[in-house]
Amino acid sequence: MEKWITLDARMRELGFAVGISSYVFTLDLSRQKMLVVEGEPRKGAIYYAFYLVCYAKERVSFIQVYGEDMPVVDMFKKVRSYMTSLNKQRLRKEKVGKGRLRIG
């Protein structure tokens, strides 16, 4: 029998901090970029938005929305897919950086 895992625990496994249990999750990618997942209760369920926020001079300069009005299952799949892609990109950058020769 599979153990039941809460949404908070699943989001923590992906690296997100829990702001408000089951409603707000954040992950700092850098000083200027943050991933945000926000839930809104409607019609007896919680619907989520998933987006990237970029800051410049302590103000929001850009928002990239990856999904809106998603039920929890769809939101989690999208976030997990995004994180898998992000981790692959980071690994590629590390490999490229290690393969460079320094002259001097």
C-alpha atoms as a PDB file:
ATOM      1  CA  MET A   1       0.000   0.000   0.000  1.00  0.00           C
ATOM      2  CA  GLU A   2       1.345   3.402  -0.973  1.00  0.00           C
ATOM      3  CA  LYS A   3       1.825   5.990   1.749  1.00  0.00           C
ATOM      4  CA  TRP A   4      -0.304   9.121   1.344  1.00  0.00           C
ATOM      5  CA  ILE A   5       1.876  12.219   0.962  1.00  0.00           C
ATOM      6  CA  THR A   6       0.598  15.768   1.477  1.00  0.00           C
ATOM      7  CA  LEU A   7       0.939  18.455  -1.175  1.00  0.00           C
ATOM      8  CA  ASP A   8       3.173  20.415   1.204  1.00  0.00           C
ATOM      9  CA  ALA A   9       5.563  17.445   1.470  1.00  0.00           C
ATOM     10  CA  ARG A  10       5.598  16.918  -2.308  1.00  0.00           C
ATOM     11  CA  MET A  11       6.367  20.583  -2.949  1.00  0.00           C
ATOM     12  CA  ARG A  12       9.150  20.540  -0.337  1.00  0.00           C
ATOM     13  CA  GLU A  13      10.663  17.538  -2.156  1.00  0.00           C
ATOM     14  CA  LEU A  14      10.854  19.743  -5.272  1.00  0.00           C
ATOM     15  CA  GLY A  15      12.641  22.458  -3.279  1.00  0.00           C
ATOM     16  CA  PHE A  16       9.748  24.827  -2.623  1.00  0.00           C
ATOM     17  CA  ALA A  17       9.174  26.624   0.668  1.00  0.00           C
ATOM     18  CA  VAL A  18       5.640  26.426   2.038  1.00  0.00           C
ATOM     19  CA  GLY A  19       4.196  29.889   2.644  1.00  0.00           C
ATOM     20  CA  ILE A  20       0.592  29.014   3.499  1.00  0.00           C
ATOM     21  CA  SER A  21      -0.120  25.293   3.748  1.00  0.00           C
ATOM     22  CA  SER A  22      -1.733  23.969   0.543  1.00  0.00           C
ATOM     23  CA  TYR A  23      -2.040  27.494  -0.888  1.00  0.00           C
ATOM     24  CA  VAL A  24       1.312  29.269  -1.383  1.00  0.00           C
ATOM     25  CA  PHE A  25       4.680  27.796  -2.374  1.00  0.00           C
ATOM     26  CA  THR A  26       7.836  29.661  -3.438  1.00  0.00           C
ATOM     27  CA  LEU A  27      11.268  28.765  -4.729  1.00  0.00           C
ATOM     28  CA  ASP A  28      14.070  31.325  -5.113  1.00  0.00           C
ATOM     29  CA  LEU A  29      16.025  30.621  -8.288  1.00  0.00           C
ATOM     30  CA  SER A  30      18.324  33.624  -7.836  1.00  0.00           C
ATOM     31  CA  ARG A  31      18.306  37.054  -6.216  1.00  0.00           C
ATOM     32  CA  GLN A  32      16.090  38.313  -9.033  1.00  0.00           C
ATOM     33  CA  LYS A  33      13.935  35.256  -9.895  1.00  0.00           C
ATOM     34  CA  MET A  34      11.330  33.329  -7.941  1.00  0.00           C
ATOM     35  CA  LEU A  35       8.911  30.547  -8.848  1.00  0.00           C
ATOM     36  CA  VAL A  36       5.493  30.913  -7.227  1.00  0.00           C
ATOM     37  CA  VAL A  37       2.537  28.556  -6.912  1.00  0.00           C
ATOM     38  CA  GLU A  38      -0.641  30.131  -5.539  1.00  0.00           C
ATOM     39  CA  GLY A  39      -3.901  28.404  -4.760  1.00  0.00           C
ATOM     40  CA  GLU A  40      -7.361  29.923  -4.719  1.00  0.00           C
ATOM     41  CA  PRO A  41     -10.377  28.135  -3.253  1.00  0.00           C
ATOM     42  CA  ARG A  42     -13.319  27.948  -5.668  1.00  0.00           C
ATOM     43  CA  LYS A  43     -16.303  25.641  -6.040  1.00  0.00           C
ATOM     44  CA  GLY A  44     -15.204  23.354  -3.234  1.00  0.00           C
ATOM     45  CA  ALA A  45     -11.685  22.850  -4.640  1.00  0.00           C
ATOM     46  CA  ILE A  46      -8.400  24.731  -4.865  1.00  0.00           C
ATOM     47  CA  TYR A  47      -7.268  25.986  -8.273  1.00  0.00           C
ATOM     48  CA  TYR A  48      -3.628  26.932  -8.777  1.00  0.00           C
ATOM     49  CA  ALA A  49      -1.523  29.409 -10.734  1.00  0.00           C
ATOM     50  CA  PHE A  50       2.153  28.690 -11.437  1.00  0.00           C
ATOM     51  CA  TYR A  51       4.447  31.514 -12.512  1.00  0.00           C
ATOM     52  CA  LEU A  52       7.962  32.988 -12.539  1.00  0.00           C
ATOM     53  CA  VAL A  53       8.506  36.460 -11.083  1.00  0.00           C
ATOM     54  CA  CYS A  54      11.576  38.556 -11.952  1.00  0.00           C
ATOM     55  CA  TYR A  55      12.603  41.533  -9.852  1.00  0.00           C
ATOM     56  CA  ALA A  56      14.711  44.586 -10.715  1.00  0.00           C
ATOM     57  CA  LYS A  57      15.491  47.218  -8.125  1.00  0.00           C
ATOM     58  CA  GLU A  58      13.086  45.623  -5.627  1.00  0.00           C
ATOM     59  CA  ARG A  59      10.163  45.830  -8.058  1.00  0.00           C
ATOM     60  CA  VAL A  60       8.463  43.234 -10.197  1.00  0.00           C
ATOM     61  CA  SER A  61       9.860  43.657 -13.701  1.00  0.00           C
ATOM     62  CA  PHE A  62       8.503  40.557 -15.418  1.00  0.00           C
ATOM     63  CA  ILE A  63       6.024  37.735 -14.825  1.00  0.00           C
ATOM     64  CA  GLN A  64       5.950  34.555 -16.920  1.00  0.00           C
ATOM     65  CA  VAL A  65       2.767  32.539 -16.311  1.00  0.00           C
ATOM     66  CA  TYR A  66       3.121  28.791 -16.848  1.00  0.00           C
ATOM     67  CA  GLY A  67      -0.400  27.846 -15.835  1.00  0.00           C
ATOM     68  CA  GLU A  68      -3.610  29.259 -14.389  1.00  0.00           C
ATOM     69  CA  ASP A  69      -6.843  27.801 -13.010  1.00  0.00           C
ATOM     70  CA  MET A  70      -5.298  24.332 -12.705  1.00  0.00           C
ATOM     71  CA  PRO A  71      -6.565  21.614 -10.383  1.00  0.00           C
ATOM     72  CA  VAL A  72      -3.947  20.276  -7.977  1.00  0.00           C
ATOM     73  CA  VAL A  73      -3.006  17.232 -10.100  1.00  0.00           C
ATOM     74  CA  ASP A  74      -2.389  19.313 -13.237  1.00  0.00           C
ATOM     75  CA  MET A  75      -0.467  21.930 -11.270  1.00  0.00           C
ATOM     76  CA  PHE A  76       1.816  19.369  -9.661  1.00  0.00           C
ATOM     77  CA  LYS A  77       2.546  17.684 -13.003  1.00  0.00           C
ATOM     78  CA  LYS A  78       3.429  21.038 -14.573  1.00  0.00           C
ATOM     79  CA  VAL A  79       5.662  22.085 -11.663  1.00  0.00           C
ATOM     80  CA  ARG A  80       7.421  18.705 -11.581  1.00  0.00           C
ATOM     81  CA  SER A  81       7.980  18.855 -15.348  1.00  0.00           C
ATOM     82  CA  TYR A  82       9.377  22.402 -15.076  1.00  0.00           C
ATOM     83  CA  MET A  83      11.738  21.390 -12.268  1.00  0.00           C
ATOM     84  CA  THR A  84      12.970  18.343 -14.228  1.00  0.00           C
ATOM     85  CA  SER A  85      13.701  20.582 -17.218  1.00  0.00           C
ATOM     86  CA  LEU A  86      15.414  23.174 -15.014  1.00  0.00           C
ATOM     87  CA  ASN A  87      17.636  20.529 -13.409  1.00  0.00           C
ATOM     88  CA  LYS A  88      18.629  19.150 -16.833  1.00  0.00           C
ATOM     89  CA  GLN A  89      19.595  22.665 -17.986  1.00  0.00           C
ATOM     90  CA  ARG A  90      21.691  23.183 -14.849  1.00  0.00           C
ATOM     91  CA  LEU A  91      23.499  19.864 -15.402  1.00  0.00           C
ATOM     92  CA  ARG A  92      24.264  20.788 -19.025  1.00  0.00           C
ATOM     93  CA  LYS A  93      25.712  24.138 -17.936  1.00  0.00           C
ATOM     94  CA  GLU A  94      27.894  22.429 -15.338  1.00  0.00           C
ATOM     95  CA  LYS A  95      29.234  19.971 -17.927  1.00  0.00           C
ATOM     96  CA  VAL A  96      30.000  22.760 -20.402  1.00  0.00           C
ATOM     97  CA  GLY A  97      31.736  24.803 -17.698  1.00  0.00           C
ATOM     98  CA  LYS A  98      33.936  21.873 -16.656  1.00  0.00           C
ATOM     99  CA  GLY A  99      34.985  21.112 -20.233  1.00  0.00           C
ATOM    100  CA  ARG A 100      36.523  24.522 -20.908  1.00  0.00           C
ATOM    101  CA  LEU A 101      40.269  24.969 -20.924  1.00  0.00           C
ATOM    102  CA  ARG A 102      41.908  27.875 -19.182  1.00  0.00           C
ATOM    103  CA  ILE A 103      44.878  29.434 -20.948  1.00  0.00           C
ATOM    104  CA  GLY A 104      47.116  31.714 -19.061  1.00  0.00           C
END
